[in-house]
Full PDB file with SEQRES, HELIX, SHEET, SSBOND, CRYST1, ORIGX, SCALE, CONECT and MASTER records, all heavy atoms in Angstrom:
SEQRES   1 A   45  PRO ILE PRO GLU TYR GLN PRO ILE LYS ASP ALA VAL PHE          
SEQRES   2 A   45  GLY ASN PRO ASN PRO ASP LEU PHE GLY ASP PRO GLN ALA          
SEQRES   3 A   45  THR ALA GLU ALA ILE LEU GLN LEU ALA ASP ALA GLU ASN          
SEQRES   4 A   45  PRO PRO LEU ARG LEU LEU                                      
HELIX    1 AA1 PRO A    3  TYR A    5  5                                   3    
HELIX    2 AA2 GLN A    6  PHE A   13  1                                   8    
HELIX    3 AA3 PRO A   18  LEU A   20  5                                   3    
HELIX    4 AA4 PRO A   24  THR A   27  5                                   4    
HELIX    5 AA5 ALA A   28  ASP A   36  1                                   9    
CRYST1    1.000    1.000    1.000  90.00  90.00  90.00 P 1           1          
ORIGX1      1.000000  0.000000  0.000000        0.00000                         
ORIGX2      0.000000  1.000000  0.000000        0.00000                         
ORIGX3      0.000000  0.000000  1.000000        0.00000                         
SCALE1      1.000000  0.000000  0.000000        0.00000                         
SCALE2      0.000000  1.000000  0.000000        0.00000                         
SCALE3      0.000000  0.000000  1.000000        0.00000                         
ATOM      1  N   PRO A   1      47.382-134.983 -62.822  1.00  0.00           N  
ATOM      2  CA  PRO A   1      48.631-134.236 -62.702  1.00  0.00           C  
ATOM      3  C   PRO A   1      49.303-133.906 -64.035  1.00  0.00           C  
ATOM      4  O   PRO A   1      49.246-134.678 -64.979  1.00  0.00           O  
ATOM      5  CB  PRO A   1      49.521-135.153 -61.859  1.00  0.00           C  
ATOM      6  CG  PRO A   1      48.889-136.488 -61.873  1.00  0.00           C  
ATOM      7  CD  PRO A   1      47.461-136.324 -62.238  1.00  0.00           C  
ATOM      8  N   ILE A   2      49.915-132.760 -64.070  1.00  0.00           N  
ATOM      9  CA  ILE A   2      50.860-132.363 -65.119  1.00  0.00           C  
ATOM     10  C   ILE A   2      52.243-132.463 -64.481  1.00  0.00           C  
ATOM     11  O   ILE A   2      52.507-131.815 -63.465  1.00  0.00           O  
ATOM     12  CB  ILE A   2      50.577-130.935 -65.611  1.00  0.00           C  
ATOM     13  CG1 ILE A   2      49.199-130.868 -66.274  1.00  0.00           C  
ATOM     14  CG2 ILE A   2      51.663-130.459 -66.576  1.00  0.00           C  
ATOM     15  CD1 ILE A   2      48.748-129.456 -66.648  1.00  0.00           C  
ATOM     16  N   PRO A   3      53.148-133.262 -65.041  1.00  0.00           N  
ATOM     17  CA  PRO A   3      54.418-133.566 -64.364  1.00  0.00           C  
ATOM     18  C   PRO A   3      55.226-132.346 -63.951  1.00  0.00           C  
ATOM     19  O   PRO A   3      55.908-132.369 -62.919  1.00  0.00           O  
ATOM     20  CB  PRO A   3      55.176-134.399 -65.407  1.00  0.00           C  
ATOM     21  CG  PRO A   3      54.112-135.014 -66.246  1.00  0.00           C  
ATOM     22  CD  PRO A   3      52.999-134.012 -66.301  1.00  0.00           C  
ATOM     23  N   GLU A   4      55.141-131.277 -64.732  1.00  0.00           N  
ATOM     24  CA  GLU A   4      55.954-130.099 -64.425  1.00  0.00           C  
ATOM     25  C   GLU A   4      55.619-129.475 -63.071  1.00  0.00           C  
ATOM     26  O   GLU A   4      56.439-128.764 -62.477  1.00  0.00           O  
ATOM     27  CB  GLU A   4      55.782-129.046 -65.531  1.00  0.00           C  
ATOM     28  CG  GLU A   4      56.492-129.372 -66.832  1.00  0.00           C  
ATOM     29  CD  GLU A   4      55.705-130.328 -67.720  1.00  0.00           C  
ATOM     30  OE1 GLU A   4      54.655-130.845 -67.277  1.00  0.00           O  
ATOM     31  OE2 GLU A   4      56.141-130.550 -68.861  1.00  0.00           O  
ATOM     32  N   TYR A   5      54.415-129.741 -62.560  1.00  0.00           N  
ATOM     33  CA  TYR A   5      54.022-129.161 -61.271  1.00  0.00           C  
ATOM     34  C   TYR A   5      54.368-130.049 -60.076  1.00  0.00           C  
ATOM     35  O   TYR A   5      54.163-129.648 -58.928  1.00  0.00           O  
ATOM     36  CB  TYR A   5      52.514-128.871 -61.265  1.00  0.00           C  
ATOM     37  CG  TYR A   5      52.131-127.731 -62.172  1.00  0.00           C  
ATOM     38  CD1 TYR A   5      51.510-127.979 -63.392  1.00  0.00           C  
ATOM     39  CD2 TYR A   5      52.394-126.412 -61.821  1.00  0.00           C  
ATOM     40  CE1 TYR A   5      51.164-126.941 -64.242  1.00  0.00           C  
ATOM     41  CE2 TYR A   5      52.051-125.368 -62.663  1.00  0.00           C  
ATOM     42  CZ  TYR A   5      51.439-125.632 -63.874  1.00  0.00           C  
ATOM     43  OH  TYR A   5      51.104-124.601 -64.717  1.00  0.00           O  
ATOM     44  N   GLN A   6      54.886-131.224 -60.325  1.00  0.00           N  
ATOM     45  CA  GLN A   6      55.149-132.153 -59.227  1.00  0.00           C  
ATOM     46  C   GLN A   6      56.133-131.614 -58.192  1.00  0.00           C  
ATOM     47  O   GLN A   6      55.913-131.794 -56.977  1.00  0.00           O  
ATOM     48  CB  GLN A   6      55.638-133.498 -59.762  1.00  0.00           C  
ATOM     49  CG  GLN A   6      55.565-134.628 -58.738  1.00  0.00           C  
ATOM     50  CD  GLN A   6      54.164-134.819 -58.177  1.00  0.00           C  
ATOM     51  OE1 GLN A   6      53.190-134.874 -58.928  1.00  0.00           O  
ATOM     52  NE2 GLN A   6      54.050-134.909 -56.855  1.00  0.00           N  
ATOM     53  N   PRO A   7      57.213-130.939 -58.614  1.00  0.00           N  
ATOM     54  CA  PRO A   7      58.119-130.400 -57.587  1.00  0.00           C  
ATOM     55  C   PRO A   7      57.450-129.410 -56.639  1.00  0.00           C  
ATOM     56  O   PRO A   7      57.762-129.380 -55.442  1.00  0.00           O  
ATOM     57  CB  PRO A   7      59.217-129.716 -58.420  1.00  0.00           C  
ATOM     58  CG  PRO A   7      59.199-130.423 -59.737  1.00  0.00           C  
ATOM     59  CD  PRO A   7      57.751-130.756 -59.972  1.00  0.00           C  
ATOM     60  N   ILE A   8      56.530-128.614 -57.172  1.00  0.00           N  
ATOM     61  CA  ILE A   8      55.822-127.656 -56.313  1.00  0.00           C  
ATOM     62  C   ILE A   8      54.936-128.397 -55.324  1.00  0.00           C  
ATOM     63  O   ILE A   8      54.879-128.071 -54.133  1.00  0.00           O  
ATOM     64  CB  ILE A   8      54.980-126.692 -57.177  1.00  0.00           C  
ATOM     65  CG1 ILE A   8      55.880-125.879 -58.109  1.00  0.00           C  
ATOM     66  CG2 ILE A   8      54.145-125.762 -56.293  1.00  0.00           C  
ATOM     67  CD1 ILE A   8      55.135-125.059 -59.129  1.00  0.00           C  
ATOM     68  N   LYS A   9      54.239-129.419 -55.820  1.00  0.00           N  
ATOM     69  CA  LYS A   9      53.370-130.203 -54.932  1.00  0.00           C  
ATOM     70  C   LYS A   9      54.182-130.918 -53.857  1.00  0.00           C  
ATOM     71  O   LYS A   9      53.775-130.974 -52.690  1.00  0.00           O  
ATOM     72  CB  LYS A   9      52.576-131.219 -55.747  1.00  0.00           C  
ATOM     73  CG  LYS A   9      51.581-130.610 -56.722  1.00  0.00           C  
ATOM     74  CD  LYS A   9      50.891-131.727 -57.490  1.00  0.00           C  
ATOM     75  CE  LYS A   9      50.011-131.203 -58.588  1.00  0.00           C  
ATOM     76  NZ  LYS A   9      49.392-132.280 -59.380  1.00  0.00           N  
ATOM     77  N   ASP A  10      55.314-131.459 -54.264  1.00  0.00           N  
ATOM     78  CA  ASP A  10      56.162-132.150 -53.286  1.00  0.00           C  
ATOM     79  C   ASP A  10      56.639-131.200 -52.200  1.00  0.00           C  
ATOM     80  O   ASP A  10      56.729-131.569 -51.024  1.00  0.00           O  
ATOM     81  CB  ASP A  10      57.364-132.776 -53.988  1.00  0.00           C  
ATOM     82  CG  ASP A  10      56.979-133.966 -54.864  1.00  0.00           C  
ATOM     83  OD1 ASP A  10      55.867-134.501 -54.674  1.00  0.00           O  
ATOM     84  OD2 ASP A  10      57.780-134.347 -55.746  1.00  0.00           O  
ATOM     85  N   ALA A  11      56.947-129.961 -52.595  1.00  0.00           N  
ATOM     86  CA  ALA A  11      57.425-128.982 -51.623  1.00  0.00           C  
ATOM     87  C   ALA A  11      56.343-128.628 -50.614  1.00  0.00           C  
ATOM     88  O   ALA A  11      56.623-128.374 -49.437  1.00  0.00           O  
ATOM     89  CB  ALA A  11      57.901-127.723 -52.344  1.00  0.00           C  
ATOM     90  N   VAL A  12      55.068-128.630 -51.061  1.00  0.00           N  
ATOM     91  CA  VAL A  12      53.964-128.255 -50.171  1.00  0.00           C  
ATOM     92  C   VAL A  12      53.456-129.444 -49.365  1.00  0.00           C  
ATOM     93  O   VAL A  12      53.241-129.343 -48.151  1.00  0.00           O  
ATOM     94  CB  VAL A  12      52.800-127.643 -50.985  1.00  0.00           C  
ATOM     95  CG1 VAL A  12      51.609-127.344 -50.079  1.00  0.00           C  
ATOM     96  CG2 VAL A  12      53.251-126.382 -51.700  1.00  0.00           C  
ATOM     97  N   PHE A  13      53.280-130.581 -50.053  1.00  0.00           N  
ATOM     98  CA  PHE A  13      52.596-131.714 -49.426  1.00  0.00           C  
ATOM     99  C   PHE A  13      53.508-132.891 -49.080  1.00  0.00           C  
ATOM    100  O   PHE A  13      53.083-133.809 -48.380  1.00  0.00           O  
ATOM    101  CB  PHE A  13      51.472-132.212 -50.339  1.00  0.00           C  
ATOM    102  CG  PHE A  13      50.454-131.156 -50.660  1.00  0.00           C  
ATOM    103  CD1 PHE A  13      50.272-130.711 -51.966  1.00  0.00           C  
ATOM    104  CD2 PHE A  13      49.682-130.593 -49.666  1.00  0.00           C  
ATOM    105  CE1 PHE A  13      49.341-129.737 -52.269  1.00  0.00           C  
ATOM    106  CE2 PHE A  13      48.740-129.610 -49.954  1.00  0.00           C  
ATOM    107  CZ  PHE A  13      48.582-129.184 -51.261  1.00  0.00           C  
ATOM    108  N   GLY A  14      54.741-132.878 -49.578  1.00  0.00           N  
ATOM    109  CA  GLY A  14      55.648-133.987 -49.267  1.00  0.00           C  
ATOM    110  C   GLY A  14      56.137-133.907 -47.826  1.00  0.00           C  
ATOM    111  O   GLY A  14      56.370-132.820 -47.291  1.00  0.00           O  
ATOM    112  N   ASN A  15      56.258-135.050 -47.187  1.00  0.00           N  
ATOM    113  CA  ASN A  15      56.730-135.132 -45.804  1.00  0.00           C  
ATOM    114  C   ASN A  15      56.001-134.160 -44.873  1.00  0.00           C  
ATOM    115  O   ASN A  15      56.616-133.289 -44.239  1.00  0.00           O  
ATOM    116  CB  ASN A  15      58.245-134.859 -45.738  1.00  0.00           C  
ATOM    117  CG  ASN A  15      59.036-135.829 -46.572  1.00  0.00           C  
ATOM    118  OD1 ASN A  15      58.803-137.035 -46.531  1.00  0.00           O  
ATOM    119  ND2 ASN A  15      59.993-135.308 -47.348  1.00  0.00           N  
ATOM    120  N   PRO A  16      54.686-134.280 -44.765  1.00  0.00           N  
ATOM    121  CA  PRO A  16      53.936-133.344 -43.923  1.00  0.00           C  
ATOM    122  C   PRO A  16      54.295-133.492 -42.449  1.00  0.00           C  
ATOM    123  O   PRO A  16      54.509-134.601 -41.954  1.00  0.00           O  
ATOM    124  CB  PRO A  16      52.474-133.738 -44.172  1.00  0.00           C  
ATOM    125  CG  PRO A  16      52.530-135.166 -44.620  1.00  0.00           C  
ATOM    126  CD  PRO A  16      53.821-135.309 -45.369  1.00  0.00           C  
ATOM    127  N   ASN A  17      54.362-132.366 -41.763  1.00  0.00           N  
ATOM    128  CA  ASN A  17      54.639-132.344 -40.332  1.00  0.00           C  
ATOM    129  C   ASN A  17      53.321-132.492 -39.578  1.00  0.00           C  
ATOM    130  O   ASN A  17      52.458-131.621 -39.670  1.00  0.00           O  
ATOM    131  CB  ASN A  17      55.320-131.026 -39.963  1.00  0.00           C  
ATOM    132  CG  ASN A  17      55.654-130.941 -38.491  1.00  0.00           C  
ATOM    133  OD1 ASN A  17      55.266-131.793 -37.687  1.00  0.00           O  
ATOM    134  ND2 ASN A  17      56.376-129.897 -38.109  1.00  0.00           N  
ATOM    135  N   PRO A  18      53.141-133.582 -38.835  1.00  0.00           N  
ATOM    136  CA  PRO A  18      51.867-133.793 -38.134  1.00  0.00           C  
ATOM    137  C   PRO A  18      51.501-132.646 -37.192  1.00  0.00           C  
ATOM    138  O   PRO A  18      50.320-132.396 -36.941  1.00  0.00           O  
ATOM    139  CB  PRO A  18      52.096-135.088 -37.354  1.00  0.00           C  
ATOM    140  CG  PRO A  18      53.218-135.773 -38.050  1.00  0.00           C  
ATOM    141  CD  PRO A  18      54.085-134.690 -38.609  1.00  0.00           C  
ATOM    142  N   ASP A  19      52.517-131.936 -36.665  1.00  0.00           N  
ATOM    143  CA  ASP A  19      52.246-130.851 -35.729  1.00  0.00           C  
ATOM    144  C   ASP A  19      51.534-129.670 -36.394  1.00  0.00           C  
ATOM    145  O   ASP A  19      50.983-128.808 -35.713  1.00  0.00           O  
ATOM    146  CB  ASP A  19      53.551-130.353 -35.102  1.00  0.00           C  
ATOM    147  CG  ASP A  19      54.154-131.361 -34.141  1.00  0.00           C  
ATOM    148  OD1 ASP A  19      53.404-132.261 -33.701  1.00  0.00           O  
ATOM    149  OD2 ASP A  19      55.347-131.266 -33.836  1.00  0.00           O  
ATOM    150  N   LEU A  20      51.567-129.627 -37.728  1.00  0.00           N  
ATOM    151  CA  LEU A  20      50.920-128.531 -38.441  1.00  0.00           C  
ATOM    152  C   LEU A  20      49.405-128.725 -38.550  1.00  0.00           C  
ATOM    153  O   LEU A  20      48.688-127.802 -38.943  1.00  0.00           O  
ATOM    154  CB  LEU A  20      51.509-128.378 -39.846  1.00  0.00           C  
ATOM    155  CG  LEU A  20      52.994-128.017 -39.920  1.00  0.00           C  
ATOM    156  CD1 LEU A  20      53.444-127.927 -41.368  1.00  0.00           C  
ATOM    157  CD2 LEU A  20      53.275-126.706 -39.187  1.00  0.00           C  
ATOM    158  N   PHE A  21      48.933-129.921 -38.202  1.00  0.00           N  
ATOM    159  CA  PHE A  21      47.510-130.235 -38.322  1.00  0.00           C  
ATOM    160  C   PHE A  21      46.893-130.339 -36.928  1.00  0.00           C  
ATOM    161  O   PHE A  21      47.315-131.145 -36.110  1.00  0.00           O  
ATOM    162  CB  PHE A  21      47.316-131.538 -39.102  1.00  0.00           C  
ATOM    163  CG  PHE A  21      47.778-131.446 -40.530  1.00  0.00           C  
ATOM    164  CD1 PHE A  21      49.088-131.728 -40.863  1.00  0.00           C  
ATOM    165  CD2 PHE A  21      46.904-131.037 -41.522  1.00  0.00           C  
ATOM    166  CE1 PHE A  21      49.531-131.617 -42.176  1.00  0.00           C  
ATOM    167  CE2 PHE A  21      47.325-130.928 -42.833  1.00  0.00           C  
ATOM    168  CZ  PHE A  21      48.636-131.216 -43.170  1.00  0.00           C  
ATOM    169  N   GLY A  22      45.897-129.495 -36.689  1.00  0.00           N  
ATOM    170  CA  GLY A  22      45.283-129.459 -35.375  1.00  0.00           C  
ATOM    171  C   GLY A  22      44.322-130.613 -35.137  1.00  0.00           C  
ATOM    172  O   GLY A  22      43.922-131.332 -36.056  1.00  0.00           O  
ATOM    173  N   ASP A  23      43.930-130.762 -33.881  1.00  0.00           N  
ATOM    174  CA  ASP A  23      42.938-131.750 -33.462  1.00  0.00           C  
ATOM    175  C   ASP A  23      41.551-131.130 -33.644  1.00  0.00           C  
ATOM    176  O   ASP A  23      41.218-130.156 -32.954  1.00  0.00           O  
ATOM    177  CB  ASP A  23      43.176-132.123 -32.008  1.00  0.00           C  
ATOM    178  CG  ASP A  23      42.090-133.034 -31.442  1.00  0.00           C  
ATOM    179  OD1 ASP A  23      41.213-133.495 -32.215  1.00  0.00           O  
ATOM    180  OD2 ASP A  23      42.113-133.273 -30.218  1.00  0.00           O  
ATOM    181  N   PRO A  24      40.732-131.629 -34.556  1.00  0.00           N  
ATOM    182  CA  PRO A  24      39.438-130.986 -34.805  1.00  0.00           C  
ATOM    183  C   PRO A  24      38.541-130.911 -33.581  1.00  0.00           C  
ATOM    184  O   PRO A  24      37.767-129.970 -33.430  1.00  0.00           O  
ATOM    185  CB  PRO A  24      38.815-131.848 -35.912  1.00  0.00           C  
ATOM    186  CG  PRO A  24      39.590-133.118 -35.937  1.00  0.00           C  
ATOM    187  CD  PRO A  24      40.963-132.786 -35.442  1.00  0.00           C  
ATOM    188  N   GLN A  25      38.663-131.888 -32.677  1.00  0.00           N  
ATOM    189  CA  GLN A  25      37.836-131.869 -31.471  1.00  0.00           C  
ATOM    190  C   GLN A  25      38.140-130.645 -30.615  1.00  0.00           C  
ATOM    191  O   GLN A  25      37.255-130.114 -29.926  1.00  0.00           O  
ATOM    192  CB  GLN A  25      38.074-133.146 -30.663  1.00  0.00           C  
ATOM    193  CG  GLN A  25      37.063-133.385 -29.559  1.00  0.00           C  
ATOM    194  CD  GLN A  25      35.664-133.674 -30.084  1.00  0.00           C  
ATOM    195  OE1 GLN A  25      35.479-134.494 -30.977  1.00  0.00           O  
ATOM    196  NE2 GLN A  25      34.664-132.978 -29.538  1.00  0.00           N  
ATOM    197  N   ALA A  26      39.381-130.173 -30.685  1.00  0.00           N  
ATOM    198  CA  ALA A  26      39.791-129.030 -29.864  1.00  0.00           C  
ATOM    199  C   ALA A  26      39.159-127.724 -30.320  1.00  0.00           C  
ATOM    200  O   ALA A  26      39.208-126.727 -29.592  1.00  0.00           O  
ATOM    201  CB  ALA A  26      41.316-128.900 -29.880  1.00  0.00           C  
ATOM    202  N   THR A  27      38.560-127.703 -31.510  1.00  0.00           N  
ATOM    203  CA  THR A  27      37.916-126.475 -31.994  1.00  0.00           C  
ATOM    204  C   THR A  27      36.551-126.229 -31.358  1.00  0.00           C  
ATOM    205  O   THR A  27      36.018-125.124 -31.453  1.00  0.00           O  
ATOM    206  CB  THR A  27      37.738-126.517 -33.529  1.00  0.00           C  
ATOM    207  OG1 THR A  27      36.807-127.578 -33.867  1.00  0.00           O  
ATOM    208  CG2 THR A  27      39.056-126.749 -34.243  1.00  0.00           C  
ATOM    209  N   ALA A  28      35.996-127.237 -30.732  1.00  0.00           N  
ATOM    210  CA  ALA A  28      34.618-127.134 -30.231  1.00  0.00           C  
ATOM    211  C   ALA A  28      34.459-125.999 -29.228  1.00  0.00           C  
ATOM    212  O   ALA A  28      33.497-125.228 -29.288  1.00  0.00           O  
ATOM    213  CB  ALA A  28      34.195-128.462 -29.605  1.00  0.00           C  
ATOM    214  N   GLU A  29      35.405-125.870 -28.306  1.00  0.00           N  
ATOM    215  CA  GLU A  29      35.302-124.825 -27.285  1.00  0.00           C  
ATOM    216  C   GLU A  29      35.296-123.437 -27.927  1.00  0.00           C  
ATOM    217  O   GLU A  29      34.531-122.546 -27.517  1.00  0.00           O  
ATOM    218  CB  GLU A  29      36.458-124.938 -26.289  1.00  0.00           C  
ATOM    219  CG  GLU A  29      36.381-123.919 -25.162  1.00  0.00           C  
ATOM    220  CD  GLU A  29      37.507-124.063 -24.148  1.00  0.00           C  
ATOM    221  OE1 GLU A  29      38.228-125.071 -24.196  1.00  0.00           O  
ATOM    222  OE2 GLU A  29      37.651-123.146 -23.318  1.00  0.00           O  
ATOM    223  N   ALA A  30      36.135-123.255 -28.946  1.00  0.00           N  
ATOM    224  CA  ALA A  30      36.191-121.961 -29.622  1.00  0.00           C  
ATOM    225  C   ALA A  30      34.864-121.637 -30.302  1.00  0.00           C  
ATOM    226  O   ALA A  30      34.398-120.482 -30.275  1.00  0.00           O  
ATOM    227  CB  ALA A  30      37.330-121.953 -30.646  1.00  0.00           C  
ATOM    228  N   ILE A  31      34.234-122.640 -30.927  1.00  0.00           N  
ATOM    229  CA  ILE A  31      32.964-122.407 -31.608  1.00  0.00           C  
ATOM    230  C   ILE A  31      31.859-122.091 -30.610  1.00  0.00           C  
ATOM    231  O   ILE A  31      31.011-121.213 -30.857  1.00  0.00           O  
ATOM    232  CB  ILE A  31      32.599-123.628 -32.476  1.00  0.00           C  
ATOM    233  CG1 ILE A  31      33.631-123.801 -33.602  1.00  0.00           C  
ATOM    234  CG2 ILE A  31      31.191-123.483 -33.059  1.00  0.00           C  
ATOM    235  CD1 ILE A  31      33.778-122.594 -34.511  1.00  0.00           C  
ATOM    236  N   LEU A  32      31.852-122.760 -29.478  1.00  0.00           N  
ATOM    237  CA  LEU A  32      30.857-122.452 -28.447  1.00  0.00           C  
ATOM    238  C   LEU A  32      31.054-121.030 -27.927  1.00  0.00           C  
ATOM    239  O   LEU A  32      30.073-120.297 -27.722  1.00  0.00           O  
ATOM    240  CB  LEU A  32      30.958-123.449 -27.294  1.00  0.00           C  
ATOM    241  CG  LEU A  32      30.594-124.907 -27.616  1.00  0.00           C  
ATOM    242  CD1 LEU A  32      30.732-125.768 -26.362  1.00  0.00           C  
ATOM    243  CD2 LEU A  32      29.196-125.029 -28.190  1.00  0.00           C  
ATOM    244  N   GLN A  33      32.296-120.625 -27.719  1.00  0.00           N  
ATOM    245  CA  GLN A  33      32.571-119.263 -27.263  1.00  0.00           C  
ATOM    246  C   GLN A  33      32.123-118.248 -28.303  1.00  0.00           C  
ATOM    247  O   GLN A  33      31.554-117.197 -27.970  1.00  0.00           O  
ATOM    248  CB  GLN A  33      34.059-119.092 -26.979  1.00  0.00           C  
ATOM    249  CG  GLN A  33      34.538-119.816 -25.743  1.00  0.00           C  
ATOM    250  CD  GLN A  33      36.014-119.566 -25.459  1.00  0.00           C  
ATOM    251  OE1 GLN A  33      36.548-118.499 -25.753  1.00  0.00           O  
ATOM    252  NE2 GLN A  33      36.684-120.558 -24.911  1.00  0.00           N  
ATOM    253  N   LEU A  34      32.373-118.554 -29.571  1.00  0.00           N  
ATOM    254  CA  LEU A  34      31.961-117.660 -30.650  1.00  0.00           C  
ATOM    255  C   LEU A  34      30.441-117.533 -30.692  1.00  0.00           C  
ATOM    256  O   LEU A  34      29.898-116.435 -30.844  1.00  0.00           O  
ATOM    257  CB  LEU A  34      32.490-118.190 -31.984  1.00  0.00           C  
ATOM    258  CG  LEU A  34      32.141-117.381 -33.234  1.00  0.00           C  
ATOM    259  CD1 LEU A  34      32.764-115.992 -33.179  1.00  0.00           C  
ATOM    260  CD2 LEU A  34      32.609-118.122 -34.495  1.00  0.00           C  
ATOM    261  N   ALA A  35      29.761-118.663 -30.559  1.00  0.00           N  
ATOM    262  CA  ALA A  35      28.296-118.662 -30.599  1.00  0.00           C  
ATOM    263  C   ALA A  35      27.701-117.885 -29.429  1.00  0.00           C  
ATOM    264  O   ALA A  35      26.626-117.290 -29.558  1.00  0.00           O  
ATOM    265  CB  ALA A  35      27.778-120.101 -30.586  1.00  0.00           C  
ATOM    266  N   ASP A  36      28.383-117.885 -28.289  1.00  0.00           N  
ATOM    267  CA  ASP A  36      27.859-117.237 -27.090  1.00  0.00           C  
ATOM    268  C   ASP A  36      28.262-115.767 -26.959  1.00  0.00           C  
ATOM    269  O   ASP A  36      27.731-115.056 -26.098  1.00  0.00           O  
ATOM    270  CB  ASP A  36      28.343-117.980 -25.840  1.00  0.00           C  
ATOM    271  CG  ASP A  36      27.736-119.368 -25.713  1.00  0.00           C  
ATOM    272  OD1 ASP A  36      26.708-119.622 -26.378  1.00  0.00           O  
ATOM    273  OD2 ASP A  36      28.290-120.193 -24.971  1.00  0.00           O  
ATOM    274  N   ALA A  37      29.193-115.316 -27.790  1.00  0.00           N  
ATOM    275  CA  ALA A  37      29.736-113.964 -27.651  1.00  0.00           C  
ATOM    276  C   ALA A  37      28.675-112.905 -27.947  1.00  0.00           C  
ATOM    277  O   ALA A  37      27.956-112.996 -28.950  1.00  0.00           O  
ATOM    278  CB  ALA A  37      30.933-113.772 -28.569  1.00  0.00           C  
ATOM    279  N   GLU A  38      28.582-111.920 -27.077  1.00  0.00           N  
ATOM    280  CA  GLU A  38      27.649-110.817 -27.307  1.00  0.00           C  
ATOM    281  C   GLU A  38      28.087-109.978 -28.500  1.00  0.00           C  
ATOM    282  O   GLU A  38      27.254-109.503 -29.278  1.00  0.00           O  
ATOM    283  CB  GLU A  38      27.558-109.950 -26.049  1.00  0.00           C  
ATOM    284  CG  GLU A  38      26.521-108.855 -26.149  1.00  0.00           C  
ATOM    285  CD  GLU A  38      26.368-108.085 -24.856  1.00  0.00           C  
ATOM    286  OE1 GLU A  38      26.856-108.568 -23.795  1.00  0.00           O  
ATOM    287  OE2 GLU A  38      25.761-106.999 -24.885  1.00  0.00           O  
ATOM    288  N   ASN A  39      29.391-109.797 -28.619  1.00  0.00           N  
ATOM    289  CA  ASN A  39      29.955-109.051 -29.750  1.00  0.00           C  
ATOM    290  C   ASN A  39      31.013-109.917 -30.436  1.00  0.00           C  
ATOM    291  O   ASN A  39      32.208-109.739 -30.226  1.00  0.00           O  
ATOM    292  CB  ASN A  39      30.570-107.732 -29.271  1.00  0.00           C  
ATOM    293  CG  ASN A  39      29.536-106.785 -28.711  1.00  0.00           C  
ATOM    294  OD1 ASN A  39      28.611-106.383 -29.407  1.00  0.00           O  
ATOM    295  ND2 ASN A  39      29.677-106.444 -27.428  1.00  0.00           N  
ATOM    296  N   PRO A  40      30.582-110.880 -31.248  1.00  0.00           N  
ATOM    297  CA  PRO A  40      31.527-111.812 -31.859  1.00  0.00           C  
ATOM    298  C   PRO A  40      32.411-111.116 -32.886  1.00  0.00           C  
ATOM    299  O   PRO A  40      32.006-110.129 -33.514  1.00  0.00           O  
ATOM    300  CB  PRO A  40      30.623-112.852 -32.533  1.00  0.00           C  
ATOM    301  CG  PRO A  40      29.350-112.109 -32.805  1.00  0.00           C  
ATOM    302  CD  PRO A  40      29.190-111.149 -31.658  1.00  0.00           C  
ATOM    303  N   PRO A  41      33.624-111.621 -33.081  1.00  0.00           N  
ATOM    304  CA  PRO A  41      34.517-111.024 -34.067  1.00  0.00           C  
ATOM    305  C   PRO A  41      34.054-111.330 -35.484  1.00  0.00           C  
ATOM    306  O   PRO A  41      33.380-112.338 -35.718  1.00  0.00           O  
ATOM    307  CB  PRO A  41      35.857-111.704 -33.774  1.00  0.00           C  
ATOM    308  CG  PRO A  41      35.467-113.048 -33.232  1.00  0.00           C  
ATOM    309  CD  PRO A  41      34.222-112.794 -32.425  1.00  0.00           C  
ATOM    310  N   LEU A  42      34.431-110.463 -36.414  1.00  0.00           N  
ATOM    311  CA  LEU A  42      34.172-110.761 -37.815  1.00  0.00           C  
ATOM    312  C   LEU A  42      35.020-111.939 -38.258  1.00  0.00           C  
ATOM    313  O   LEU A  42      34.566-112.760 -39.067  1.00  0.00           O  
ATOM    314  CB  LEU A  42      34.469-109.537 -38.683  1.00  0.00           C  
ATOM    315  CG  LEU A  42      34.356-109.737 -40.202  1.00  0.00           C  
ATOM    316  CD1 LEU A  42      32.951-110.173 -40.617  1.00  0.00           C  
ATOM    317  CD2 LEU A  42      34.764-108.468 -40.943  1.00  0.00           C  
ATOM    318  N   ARG A  43      36.240-112.033 -37.737  1.00  0.00           N  
ATOM    319  CA  ARG A  43      37.145-113.111 -38.133  1.00  0.00           C  
ATOM    320  C   ARG A  43      37.704-113.816 -36.900  1.00  0.00           C  
ATOM    321  O   ARG A  43      38.096-113.167 -35.932  1.00  0.00           O  
ATOM    322  CB  ARG A  43      38.307-112.574 -38.979  1.00  0.00           C  
ATOM    323  CG  ARG A  43      37.880-112.138 -40.366  1.00  0.00           C  
ATOM    324  CD  ARG A  43      39.086-111.661 -41.186  1.00  0.00           C  
ATOM    325  NE  ARG A  43      38.720-111.525 -42.582  1.00  0.00           N  
ATOM    326  CZ  ARG A  43      38.179-110.427 -43.109  1.00  0.00           C  
ATOM    327  NH1 ARG A  43      37.954-109.371 -42.332  1.00  0.00           N  
ATOM    328  NH2 ARG A  43      37.867-110.377 -44.389  1.00  0.00           N  
ATOM    329  N   LEU A  44      37.759-115.151 -36.971  1.00  0.00           N  
ATOM    330  CA  LEU A  44      38.343-115.952 -35.896  1.00  0.00           C  
ATOM    331  C   LEU A  44      39.202-117.036 -36.514  1.00  0.00           C  
ATOM    332  O   LEU A  44      38.703-117.943 -37.189  1.00  0.00           O  
ATOM    333  CB  LEU A  44      37.248-116.588 -35.032  1.00  0.00           C  
ATOM    334  CG  LEU A  44      37.734-117.550 -33.936  1.00  0.00           C  
ATOM    335  CD1 LEU A  44      38.580-116.798 -32.899  1.00  0.00           C  
ATOM    336  CD2 LEU A  44      36.556-118.256 -33.277  1.00  0.00           C  
ATOM    337  N   LEU A  45      40.513-116.926 -36.318  1.00  0.00           N  
ATOM    338  CA  LEU A  45      41.444-117.965 -36.777  1.00  0.00           C  
ATOM    339  C   LEU A  45      41.372-119.156 -35.821  1.00  0.00           C  
ATOM    340  O   LEU A  45      41.222-118.988 -34.612  1.00  0.00           O  
ATOM    341  CB  LEU A  45      42.868-117.429 -36.813  1.00  0.00           C  
ATOM    342  CG  LEU A  45      43.147-116.276 -37.780  1.00  0.00           C  
ATOM    343  CD1 LEU A  45      44.522-115.670 -37.492  1.00  0.00           C  
ATOM    344  CD2 LEU A  45      43.077-116.746 -39.232  1.00  0.00           C  
TER     345      LEU A  45                                                      
MASTER        0    0    0    5    0    0    0    6  344    1    0    4          
END                                                                             
């Protein structure tokens, strides 16, 4: 770390909201649907 950047890091990573982080297991259905799609999207959020 360079100390001058600490306030920026604190603003981004300090006190993280757990609701902002998804459950990785829940992505499985989306990946299976993507793999099975006849015309899959270029991008999938």
